Amino acid sequence: MVDKDDGDDKAEIGGESGVVEITPAPLDAKSAIIEALLELAGERNWEDISISDVATRANVSLSAFRDLFPSKGAVLAAFSRKIDKIVLESTGDDLIGEPAKERLFDVLMRRLDALTPYKLGLEGVSDWTRRDPLAAAAINQVAINSMRFMLEAAGIDSEGAVGAVKLQGLALAWARVLRVWFRDDDPGLASTMAALDRELTDGGRFVARAEDLNRLAAPLFSLARALFEQRLPSSERRRDAASETHDERTA
């Protein structure tokens, strides 16, 4: 389950009292659970994996599992945050000045690099979401949370109504890219990169139209808000009058 360096997994050093064996520290319980779940997801159907199975593979007690996670889905969310952190820590300022699409392409390729050790397990999770609409909705929300930080890492705004469109569109596009990636055995990931480029190009066009529509609609929203605010006091007076009438009738 844990990657090891080439050679023995124990190192020896000399000391005054002789040779001392140093054993690498094991994964912490949280990381062990994440690794165990992704391993099992690559071996069997998601529905056939119990929490006890994960705890056993991770070599932790059920009590320890419960202290850390309420469900298998929560483990997946923690895994996604782990990948977010890896990508964000590896993203620097080397793409400043590049077009937005190129910046986002680079960030998402870094994400694929971070996901590579878990490819088989993630394919199992993807298969599960296609069988279970509720699971698909839950995983979609996890993806949206991650895509928010991917956009931020690429220097792309994700706030407001158009930002919500970007996030949902990117989450769906990412799911389509992953399906290509699962079948892409080329070390250079030519098919995956082509799919990602295509999705970002199409998404860019859609976002541009959404931004145009938002600019056109903004004055209408402002007018509606102003009219509502002007009418609000009279509405409040009517409610006060109705309340007074009710009080008189019940007195």
Protein backbone atom coordinates (compact mmCIF):
# COMPACT_ATOMS: atom_id res chain seq x y z
CA MET A 1 0.00 0.00 0.00
CA VAL A 2 2.82 2.39 0.79
CA ASP A 3 5.42 3.18 -1.81
CA LYS A 4 8.93 2.32 -0.66
CA ASP A 5 12.32 3.37 -1.82
CA ASP A 6 14.46 0.82 -3.66
CA GLY A 7 16.33 -1.47 -1.31
CA ASP A 8 15.57 -2.42 2.26
CA ASP A 9 12.83 -0.61 4.10
CA LYS A 10 15.07 -0.35 7.14
CA ALA A 11 18.22 1.69 7.44
CA GLU A 12 21.08 1.10 9.84
CA ILE A 13 23.38 3.65 11.40
CA GLY A 14 26.27 3.24 13.73
CA GLY A 15 26.23 4.57 17.24
CA GLU A 16 28.09 4.34 20.46
CA SER A 17 25.94 1.44 21.57
CA GLY A 18 26.21 -0.38 18.22
CA VAL A 19 23.98 -0.63 15.20
CA VAL A 20 20.56 1.00 15.44
CA GLU A 21 17.74 0.06 13.10
CA ILE A 22 15.56 2.90 11.85
CA THR A 23 12.17 1.92 10.45
CA PRO A 24 10.31 4.50 8.31
CA ALA A 25 7.35 5.98 10.11
CA PRO A 26 4.00 4.51 9.02
CA LEU A 27 1.31 6.59 7.40
CA ASP A 28 -0.87 8.50 9.83
CA ALA A 29 -4.35 7.03 10.25
CA LYS A 30 -6.06 9.61 8.03
CA SER A 31 -3.66 9.08 5.13
CA ALA A 32 -3.78 5.32 5.61
CA ILE A 33 -7.57 5.32 5.33
CA ILE A 34 -7.49 7.42 2.16
CA GLU A 35 -4.90 5.15 0.57
CA ALA A 36 -6.82 2.02 1.61
CA LEU A 37 -10.11 3.21 0.15
CA LEU A 38 -8.57 4.13 -3.19
CA GLU A 39 -6.82 0.76 -3.32
CA LEU A 40 -10.05 -1.10 -2.64
CA ALA A 41 -11.96 1.01 -5.15
CA GLY A 42 -9.60 -0.29 -7.81
CA GLU A 43 -10.18 -3.89 -6.76
CA ARG A 44 -13.96 -4.18 -6.35
CA ASN A 45 -17.25 -2.38 -6.85
CA TRP A 46 -17.77 0.58 -4.55
CA GLU A 47 -20.98 -0.93 -3.17
CA ASP A 48 -19.03 -4.02 -2.08
CA ILE A 49 -16.56 -2.05 0.03
CA SER A 50 -17.53 -1.75 3.69
CA ILE A 51 -16.10 0.66 6.21
CA SER A 52 -14.71 -2.35 8.05
CA ASP A 53 -12.89 -3.39 4.87
CA VAL A 54 -11.26 0.01 4.65
CA ALA A 55 -10.32 0.05 8.33
CA THR A 56 -8.79 -3.41 8.06
CA ARG A 57 -6.78 -2.49 4.98
CA ALA A 58 -5.62 0.71 6.65
CA ASN A 59 -4.76 -1.19 9.84
CA VAL A 60 -6.88 1.12 12.00
CA SER A 61 -9.79 0.39 14.31
CA LEU A 62 -13.38 1.22 13.49
CA SER A 63 -13.26 3.66 16.37
CA ALA A 64 -10.29 5.44 14.81
CA PHE A 65 -12.07 5.52 11.43
CA ARG A 66 -15.17 7.05 13.03
CA ASP A 67 -13.10 9.71 14.77
CA LEU A 68 -11.73 10.80 11.40
CA PHE A 69 -14.53 10.20 8.88
CA PRO A 70 -18.31 9.69 9.04
CA SER A 71 -18.48 7.77 5.73
CA LYS A 72 -16.60 6.53 2.68
CA GLY A 73 -17.79 9.61 0.82
CA ALA A 74 -16.10 11.82 3.40
CA VAL A 75 -12.86 9.94 2.72
CA LEU A 76 -13.20 10.78 -0.98
CA ALA A 77 -13.69 14.45 -0.10
CA ALA A 78 -10.53 14.35 2.02
CA PHE A 79 -8.70 12.71 -0.87
CA SER A 80 -9.80 15.52 -3.17
CA ARG A 81 -8.52 18.11 -0.70
CA LYS A 82 -5.23 16.24 -0.53
CA ILE A 83 -4.87 16.45 -4.31
CA ASP A 84 -5.86 20.14 -4.23
CA LYS A 85 -3.04 20.80 -1.79
CA ILE A 86 -0.49 18.98 -3.94
CA VAL A 87 -1.50 20.96 -7.02
CA LEU A 88 -1.60 24.31 -5.25
CA GLU A 89 1.81 23.77 -3.68
CA SER A 90 3.32 22.85 -7.05
CA THR A 91 1.84 25.80 -8.94
CA GLY A 92 4.10 28.83 -9.14
CA ASP A 93 4.32 32.07 -11.07
CA ASP A 94 5.91 30.56 -14.17
CA LEU A 95 2.76 31.03 -16.27
CA ILE A 96 2.13 34.68 -15.44
CA GLY A 97 1.42 36.48 -18.70
CA GLU A 98 0.11 33.38 -20.45
CA PRO A 99 -3.51 33.25 -21.69
CA ALA A 100 -6.07 32.05 -19.15
CA LYS A 101 -6.68 28.84 -21.06
CA GLU A 102 -2.98 27.94 -21.00
CA ARG A 103 -2.72 28.65 -17.29
CA LEU A 104 -5.72 26.45 -16.51
CA PHE A 105 -4.46 23.72 -18.84
CA ASP A 106 -1.19 23.61 -16.93
CA VAL A 107 -2.91 23.51 -13.52
CA LEU A 108 -5.20 20.65 -14.58
CA MET A 109 -2.33 18.66 -16.06
CA ARG A 110 -0.57 19.02 -12.70
CA ARG A 111 -3.75 17.63 -11.15
CA LEU A 112 -3.64 14.61 -13.43
CA ASP A 113 0.00 14.05 -12.44
CA ALA A 114 -1.04 14.04 -8.78
CA LEU A 115 -3.92 11.64 -9.51
CA THR A 116 -1.84 9.14 -11.50
CA PRO A 117 -1.00 6.80 -8.57
CA TYR A 118 -4.73 6.45 -7.89
CA LYS A 119 -5.92 6.01 -11.48
CA LEU A 120 -7.42 2.53 -11.07
CA GLY A 121 -9.28 3.44 -7.90
CA LEU A 122 -10.62 6.64 -9.41
CA GLU A 123 -11.94 4.69 -12.37
CA GLY A 124 -13.84 2.51 -9.89
CA VAL A 125 -15.29 5.62 -8.25
CA SER A 126 -16.29 6.96 -11.68
CA ASP A 127 -18.07 3.70 -12.49
CA TRP A 128 -19.96 3.97 -9.20
CA THR A 129 -21.18 7.52 -9.95
CA ARG A 130 -22.57 6.36 -13.30
CA ARG A 131 -24.63 3.72 -11.51
CA ASP A 132 -25.84 5.97 -8.69
CA PRO A 133 -27.34 9.43 -9.45
CA LEU A 134 -27.15 10.49 -5.79
CA ALA A 135 -23.47 9.58 -5.72
CA ALA A 136 -22.95 11.53 -8.94
CA ALA A 137 -24.50 14.63 -7.36
CA ALA A 138 -22.33 14.31 -4.25
CA ILE A 139 -19.13 13.80 -6.24
CA ASN A 140 -20.08 16.71 -8.48
CA GLN A 141 -20.12 18.99 -5.42
CA VAL A 142 -16.70 17.70 -4.36
CA ALA A 143 -15.43 18.40 -7.88
CA ILE A 144 -16.87 21.93 -7.83
CA ASN A 145 -15.06 22.65 -4.57
CA SER A 146 -11.78 21.49 -6.12
CA MET A 147 -12.33 23.33 -9.40
CA ARG A 148 -12.80 26.56 -7.45
CA PHE A 149 -9.21 26.30 -6.26
CA MET A 150 -7.95 25.17 -9.66
CA LEU A 151 -9.43 28.32 -11.21
CA GLU A 152 -7.90 30.44 -8.45
CA ALA A 153 -4.52 28.79 -9.02
CA ALA A 154 -4.82 29.73 -12.69
CA GLY A 155 -5.72 33.32 -11.80
CA ILE A 156 -9.29 33.01 -13.08
CA ASP A 157 -12.20 34.59 -11.23
CA SER A 158 -14.77 32.15 -9.86
CA GLU A 159 -17.14 34.51 -8.03
CA GLY A 160 -20.65 35.63 -8.85
CA ALA A 161 -23.21 34.21 -11.28
CA VAL A 162 -20.71 33.72 -14.09
CA GLY A 163 -18.28 32.16 -11.62
CA ALA A 164 -20.91 29.57 -10.72
CA VAL A 165 -21.30 28.77 -14.42
CA LYS A 166 -17.53 28.38 -14.75
CA LEU A 167 -17.35 26.05 -11.75
CA GLN A 168 -20.16 23.75 -12.82
CA GLY A 169 -19.01 23.73 -16.43
CA LEU A 170 -15.44 22.94 -15.46
CA ALA A 171 -16.54 20.15 -13.09
CA LEU A 172 -18.51 18.49 -15.89
CA ALA A 173 -15.68 19.00 -18.38
CA TRP A 174 -13.22 17.49 -15.90
CA ALA A 175 -15.38 14.39 -15.55
CA ARG A 176 -15.32 13.95 -19.34
CA VAL A 177 -11.55 14.41 -19.42
CA LEU A 178 -11.11 11.78 -16.72
CA ARG A 179 -13.07 9.25 -18.75
CA VAL A 180 -10.58 9.75 -21.60
CA TRP A 181 -7.66 9.59 -19.17
CA PHE A 182 -8.80 6.24 -17.78
CA ARG A 183 -8.40 4.70 -21.24
CA ASP A 184 -5.24 6.60 -22.21
CA ASP A 185 -2.22 4.30 -21.89
CA ASP A 186 0.10 6.62 -23.83
CA PRO A 187 2.89 7.86 -21.51
CA GLY A 188 2.59 11.23 -23.22
CA LEU A 189 -1.18 11.36 -22.59
CA ALA A 190 -1.83 12.64 -26.11
CA SER A 191 -5.53 11.73 -26.09
CA THR A 192 -6.04 13.19 -22.63
CA MET A 193 -4.32 16.46 -23.49
CA ALA A 194 -6.33 16.74 -26.70
CA ALA A 195 -9.56 16.17 -24.75
CA LEU A 196 -8.58 18.73 -22.11
CA ASP A 197 -7.67 21.30 -24.76
CA ARG A 198 -10.98 20.73 -26.52
CA GLU A 199 -13.00 21.01 -23.30
CA LEU A 200 -11.26 24.24 -22.28
CA THR A 201 -11.76 25.75 -25.73
CA ASP A 202 -15.47 24.90 -25.75
CA GLY A 203 -15.82 26.04 -22.15
CA GLY A 204 -14.12 29.34 -22.93
CA ARG A 205 -16.64 30.07 -25.66
CA PHE A 206 -19.54 29.23 -23.37
CA VAL A 207 -18.20 31.41 -20.55
CA ALA A 208 -17.72 34.31 -22.99
CA ARG A 209 -21.40 34.08 -23.95
CA ALA A 210 -22.39 33.87 -20.28
CA GLU A 211 -20.35 36.99 -19.51
CA ASP A 212 -21.99 38.85 -22.41
CA LEU A 213 -25.44 37.82 -21.15
CA ASN A 214 -24.54 38.87 -17.62
CA ARG A 215 -23.46 42.31 -18.83
CA LEU A 216 -26.70 42.73 -20.79
CA ALA A 217 -28.83 41.57 -17.89
CA ALA A 218 -27.06 43.59 -15.17
CA PRO A 219 -28.99 46.86 -15.87
CA LEU A 220 -32.29 44.98 -15.73
CA PHE A 221 -31.39 43.43 -12.40
CA SER A 222 -30.40 46.87 -11.07
CA LEU A 223 -33.72 48.36 -12.22
CA ALA A 224 -35.71 45.53 -10.67
CA ARG A 225 -33.82 45.92 -7.41
CA ALA A 226 -34.46 49.67 -7.34
CA LEU A 227 -38.19 49.20 -7.99
CA PHE A 228 -38.40 46.58 -5.27
CA GLU A 229 -36.67 48.82 -2.77
CA GLN A 230 -39.02 51.72 -3.61
CA ARG A 231 -42.11 49.55 -3.13
CA LEU A 232 -40.88 47.87 0.02
CA PRO A 233 -41.94 50.66 2.46
CA SER A 234 -45.53 50.71 1.18
CA SER A 235 -45.67 46.93 1.50
CA GLU A 236 -44.51 47.22 5.06
CA ARG A 237 -47.22 49.81 5.75
CA ARG A 238 -49.87 47.45 4.39
CA ARG A 239 -48.59 44.70 6.67
CA ASP A 240 -48.70 47.06 9.65
CA ALA A 241 -52.27 48.12 8.78
CA ALA A 242 -53.37 44.52 8.47
CA SER A 243 -51.77 43.73 11.81
CA GLU A 244 -53.56 46.65 13.50
CA THR A 245 -56.92 45.54 12.03
CA HIS A 246 -56.32 42.02 13.31
CA ASP A 247 -55.50 43.36 16.77
CA GLU A 248 -58.70 45.45 16.86
CA ARG A 249 -60.81 42.47 15.88
CA THR A 250 -59.32 40.26 18.56
CA ALA A 251 -59.43 42.92 21.31
